[in-house]
Amino acid sequence: MYGVSPAGQSSGKPDRRPNRGSKYQADTTLYRIAVTRIRWDERTQTYLQRRTAEGMSEHEAVQCLKRHTARKLCRHIQSSVTTPLSSTA
């Protein structure tokens, strides 16, 4: 997934930087979606509070939210592509 998979490190610890092979525009778009959801959606605010209470930093919780959004968008796009168009003839 563009922009949300962390780059690996030799020490075994996950890196906070986005994958170097990611697309900047896709990452930026996912970030803006996440920030908008955090600001306006109560479910997302609750999710962020729960994740930070579990010991995650806010940055890590936003990364999780971006991955969730990317998976949801991929499923939506794939379902719209595989759904045959109805004939209007």
N, C-alpha and C. Protein backbone atom coordinates (compact mmCIF):
# COMPACT_ATOMS: atom_id res chain seq x y z
N MET A 1 0.84 -1.17 0.00
CA MET A 1 0.00 0.00 0.00
C MET A 1 0.88 1.23 0.00
N TYR A 2 0.51 2.18 -0.79
CA TYR A 2 1.32 3.37 -0.93
C TYR A 2 1.40 4.15 0.37
N GLY A 3 2.62 4.44 0.80
CA GLY A 3 2.85 5.40 1.86
C GLY A 3 2.58 4.96 3.26
N VAL A 4 2.08 3.77 3.49
CA VAL A 4 1.74 3.39 4.85
C VAL A 4 2.55 2.22 5.37
N SER A 5 3.31 1.56 4.51
CA SER A 5 4.12 0.45 5.01
C SER A 5 5.45 1.01 5.50
N PRO A 6 5.85 0.70 6.75
CA PRO A 6 7.10 1.25 7.25
C PRO A 6 8.31 0.63 6.58
N ALA A 7 9.36 1.40 6.47
CA ALA A 7 10.62 0.90 5.91
C ALA A 7 11.32 0.06 6.96
N GLY A 8 11.98 -1.01 6.56
CA GLY A 8 12.65 -1.89 7.49
C GLY A 8 13.96 -1.31 7.98
N GLN A 9 14.42 -1.81 9.14
CA GLN A 9 15.70 -1.43 9.70
C GLN A 9 16.47 -2.69 10.03
N SER A 10 17.77 -2.58 10.05
CA SER A 10 18.57 -3.75 10.34
C SER A 10 18.49 -4.15 11.81
N SER A 11 18.12 -3.23 12.70
CA SER A 11 18.08 -3.54 14.13
C SER A 11 16.83 -4.33 14.51
N GLY A 12 15.90 -4.47 13.59
CA GLY A 12 14.68 -5.20 13.87
C GLY A 12 13.55 -4.32 14.36
N LYS A 13 13.83 -3.08 14.68
CA LYS A 13 12.79 -2.17 15.13
C LYS A 13 12.12 -1.53 13.91
N PRO A 14 10.80 -1.36 13.93
CA PRO A 14 10.15 -0.71 12.79
C PRO A 14 10.54 0.76 12.72
N ASP A 15 10.65 1.24 11.53
CA ASP A 15 11.03 2.62 11.31
C ASP A 15 9.77 3.45 11.18
N ARG A 16 9.80 4.69 11.61
CA ARG A 16 8.63 5.55 11.53
C ARG A 16 8.50 6.24 10.18
N ARG A 17 9.59 6.20 9.40
CA ARG A 17 9.52 6.85 8.10
C ARG A 17 8.67 6.02 7.16
N PRO A 18 7.91 6.66 6.27
CA PRO A 18 7.19 5.87 5.26
C PRO A 18 8.18 5.16 4.36
N ASN A 19 7.74 4.11 3.74
CA ASN A 19 8.57 3.35 2.82
C ASN A 19 9.11 4.28 1.74
N ARG A 20 10.41 4.18 1.44
CA ARG A 20 11.02 5.05 0.43
C ARG A 20 10.40 4.85 -0.95
N GLY A 21 9.80 3.70 -1.20
CA GLY A 21 9.20 3.45 -2.49
C GLY A 21 7.76 3.95 -2.58
N SER A 22 7.30 4.62 -1.55
CA SER A 22 5.90 5.04 -1.53
C SER A 22 5.66 6.26 -2.42
N LYS A 23 4.43 6.49 -2.69
CA LYS A 23 4.02 7.64 -3.48
C LYS A 23 3.65 8.78 -2.54
N TYR A 24 4.29 9.92 -2.71
CA TYR A 24 4.10 11.05 -1.82
C TYR A 24 2.65 11.54 -1.82
N GLN A 25 2.04 11.64 -3.00
CA GLN A 25 0.68 12.15 -3.08
C GLN A 25 -0.31 11.21 -2.39
N ALA A 26 -0.12 9.91 -2.56
CA ALA A 26 -1.01 8.95 -1.91
C ALA A 26 -0.86 9.04 -0.39
N ASP A 27 0.37 9.16 0.08
CA ASP A 27 0.61 9.26 1.52
C ASP A 27 -0.01 10.53 2.08
N THR A 28 0.16 11.63 1.36
CA THR A 28 -0.41 12.90 1.80
C THR A 28 -1.93 12.84 1.84
N THR A 29 -2.52 12.21 0.85
CA THR A 29 -3.98 12.09 0.80
C THR A 29 -4.48 11.25 1.97
N LEU A 30 -3.83 10.13 2.24
CA LEU A 30 -4.23 9.30 3.37
C LEU A 30 -4.08 10.05 4.69
N TYR A 31 -3.03 10.84 4.81
CA TYR A 31 -2.82 11.62 6.02
C TYR A 31 -3.95 12.65 6.20
N ARG A 32 -4.31 13.32 5.12
CA ARG A 32 -5.39 14.32 5.21
C ARG A 32 -6.73 13.69 5.56
N ILE A 33 -6.98 12.51 5.01
CA ILE A 33 -8.21 11.79 5.36
C ILE A 33 -8.19 11.44 6.85
N ALA A 34 -7.05 10.95 7.34
CA ALA A 34 -6.93 10.57 8.75
C ALA A 34 -7.13 11.78 9.66
N VAL A 35 -6.49 12.89 9.34
CA VAL A 35 -6.61 14.08 10.18
C VAL A 35 -8.04 14.61 10.18
N THR A 36 -8.69 14.58 9.03
CA THR A 36 -10.08 15.02 8.95
C THR A 36 -10.98 14.12 9.78
N ARG A 37 -10.75 12.80 9.70
CA ARG A 37 -11.55 11.87 10.50
C ARG A 37 -11.30 12.09 11.99
N ILE A 38 -10.06 12.33 12.37
CA ILE A 38 -9.74 12.56 13.78
C ILE A 38 -10.45 13.82 14.28
N ARG A 39 -10.52 14.80 13.44
CA ARG A 39 -11.11 16.08 13.84
C ARG A 39 -12.64 16.01 13.95
N TRP A 40 -13.30 15.26 13.06
CA TRP A 40 -14.75 15.33 12.97
C TRP A 40 -15.50 14.05 13.35
N ASP A 41 -14.89 12.90 13.25
CA ASP A 41 -15.58 11.64 13.48
C ASP A 41 -15.36 11.14 14.90
N GLU A 42 -16.44 11.00 15.66
CA GLU A 42 -16.33 10.58 17.07
C GLU A 42 -15.76 9.18 17.20
N ARG A 43 -16.10 8.27 16.28
CA ARG A 43 -15.57 6.91 16.35
C ARG A 43 -14.06 6.91 16.19
N THR A 44 -13.56 7.76 15.29
CA THR A 44 -12.13 7.85 15.06
C THR A 44 -11.44 8.47 16.27
N GLN A 45 -12.05 9.45 16.88
CA GLN A 45 -11.49 10.06 18.09
C GLN A 45 -11.39 9.03 19.22
N THR A 46 -12.42 8.20 19.35
CA THR A 46 -12.41 7.15 20.36
C THR A 46 -11.31 6.14 20.06
N TYR A 47 -11.17 5.78 18.79
CA TYR A 47 -10.12 4.85 18.37
C TYR A 47 -8.74 5.40 18.73
N LEU A 48 -8.51 6.68 18.43
CA LEU A 48 -7.22 7.30 18.71
C LEU A 48 -6.94 7.31 20.21
N GLN A 49 -7.95 7.63 21.03
CA GLN A 49 -7.78 7.63 22.48
C GLN A 49 -7.46 6.22 22.99
N ARG A 50 -8.15 5.23 22.44
CA ARG A 50 -7.91 3.84 22.86
C ARG A 50 -6.49 3.40 22.51
N ARG A 51 -6.05 3.72 21.31
CA ARG A 51 -4.71 3.33 20.88
C ARG A 51 -3.63 4.01 21.72
N THR A 52 -3.79 5.29 22.03
CA THR A 52 -2.81 5.97 22.86
C THR A 52 -2.84 5.45 24.29
N ALA A 53 -4.01 5.03 24.77
CA ALA A 53 -4.10 4.43 26.10
C ALA A 53 -3.39 3.07 26.13
N GLU A 54 -3.33 2.39 24.99
CA GLU A 54 -2.64 1.10 24.89
C GLU A 54 -1.12 1.27 24.84
N GLY A 55 -0.66 2.51 24.77
CA GLY A 55 0.78 2.76 24.78
C GLY A 55 1.36 3.21 23.46
N MET A 56 0.53 3.32 22.44
CA MET A 56 1.02 3.82 21.15
C MET A 56 1.16 5.33 21.20
N SER A 57 2.12 5.83 20.45
CA SER A 57 2.21 7.28 20.30
C SER A 57 1.09 7.71 19.34
N GLU A 58 0.80 9.00 19.34
CA GLU A 58 -0.24 9.50 18.43
C GLU A 58 0.17 9.27 16.98
N HIS A 59 1.45 9.41 16.70
CA HIS A 59 1.95 9.18 15.34
C HIS A 59 1.69 7.75 14.90
N GLU A 60 1.98 6.78 15.77
CA GLU A 60 1.76 5.38 15.44
C GLU A 60 0.27 5.09 15.24
N ALA A 61 -0.58 5.71 16.06
CA ALA A 61 -2.02 5.52 15.92
C ALA A 61 -2.52 6.09 14.59
N VAL A 62 -1.98 7.21 14.18
CA VAL A 62 -2.36 7.80 12.88
C VAL A 62 -1.90 6.90 11.74
N GLN A 63 -0.71 6.29 11.87
CA GLN A 63 -0.24 5.34 10.86
C GLN A 63 -1.21 4.16 10.75
N CYS A 64 -1.68 3.64 11.88
CA CYS A 64 -2.66 2.55 11.87
C CYS A 64 -3.94 2.99 11.17
N LEU A 65 -4.37 4.21 11.46
CA LEU A 65 -5.58 4.73 10.84
C LEU A 65 -5.40 4.89 9.34
N LYS A 66 -4.23 5.31 8.90
CA LYS A 66 -3.94 5.43 7.46
C LYS A 66 -3.98 4.06 6.79
N ARG A 67 -3.40 3.04 7.45
CA ARG A 67 -3.44 1.69 6.88
C ARG A 67 -4.87 1.19 6.76
N HIS A 68 -5.68 1.45 7.80
CA HIS A 68 -7.08 1.04 7.77
C HIS A 68 -7.81 1.73 6.61
N THR A 69 -7.57 3.02 6.46
CA THR A 69 -8.21 3.78 5.37
C THR A 69 -7.78 3.25 4.01
N ALA A 70 -6.50 2.94 3.86
CA ALA A 70 -6.00 2.42 2.59
C ALA A 70 -6.64 1.08 2.26
N ARG A 71 -6.76 0.19 3.26
CA ARG A 71 -7.41 -1.11 3.02
C ARG A 71 -8.86 -0.92 2.62
N LYS A 72 -9.55 -0.01 3.29
CA LYS A 72 -10.96 0.24 2.99
C LYS A 72 -11.12 0.80 1.57
N LEU A 73 -10.25 1.72 1.19
CA LEU A 73 -10.31 2.28 -0.16
C LEU A 73 -10.00 1.22 -1.22
N CYS A 74 -9.02 0.37 -0.94
CA CYS A 74 -8.67 -0.70 -1.90
C CYS A 74 -9.85 -1.64 -2.11
N ARG A 75 -10.51 -2.03 -1.02
CA ARG A 75 -11.68 -2.91 -1.15
C ARG A 75 -12.79 -2.24 -1.94
N HIS A 76 -13.00 -0.94 -1.70
CA HIS A 76 -14.04 -0.21 -2.42
C HIS A 76 -13.71 -0.13 -3.91
N ILE A 77 -12.47 0.17 -4.22
CA ILE A 77 -12.06 0.27 -5.63
C ILE A 77 -12.16 -1.08 -6.31
N GLN A 78 -11.70 -2.14 -5.64
CA GLN A 78 -11.75 -3.47 -6.23
C GLN A 78 -13.19 -3.92 -6.45
N SER A 79 -14.09 -3.62 -5.53
CA SER A 79 -15.49 -4.03 -5.70
C SER A 79 -16.15 -3.24 -6.83
N SER A 80 -15.77 -1.98 -7.01
CA SER A 80 -16.36 -1.20 -8.10
C SER A 80 -15.83 -1.63 -9.46
N VAL A 81 -14.60 -2.15 -9.49
CA VAL A 81 -14.02 -2.62 -10.75
C VAL A 81 -14.60 -3.96 -11.14
N THR A 82 -14.82 -4.85 -10.16
CA THR A 82 -15.32 -6.18 -10.47
C THR A 82 -16.82 -6.23 -10.68
N THR A 83 -17.54 -5.19 -10.27
CA THR A 83 -18.98 -5.15 -10.47
C THR A 83 -19.26 -4.81 -11.93
N PRO A 84 -19.96 -5.69 -12.65
CA PRO A 84 -20.24 -5.41 -14.06
C PRO A 84 -21.22 -4.24 -14.20
N LEU A 85 -21.00 -3.46 -15.22
CA LEU A 85 -21.89 -2.33 -15.49
C LEU A 85 -23.18 -2.86 -16.12
N SER A 86 -24.30 -2.29 -15.72
CA SER A 86 -25.57 -2.72 -16.30
C SER A 86 -25.72 -2.11 -17.71
N SER A 87 -26.34 -2.86 -18.55
CA SER A 87 -26.54 -2.42 -19.93
C SER A 87 -27.69 -1.44 -19.98
N THR A 88 -27.51 -0.34 -20.69
CA THR A 88 -28.57 0.67 -20.82
C THR A 88 -29.21 0.61 -22.18
N ALA A 89 -28.94 -0.41 -22.97
CA ALA A 89 -29.47 -0.52 -24.33
C ALA A 89 -30.88 -1.00 -24.36
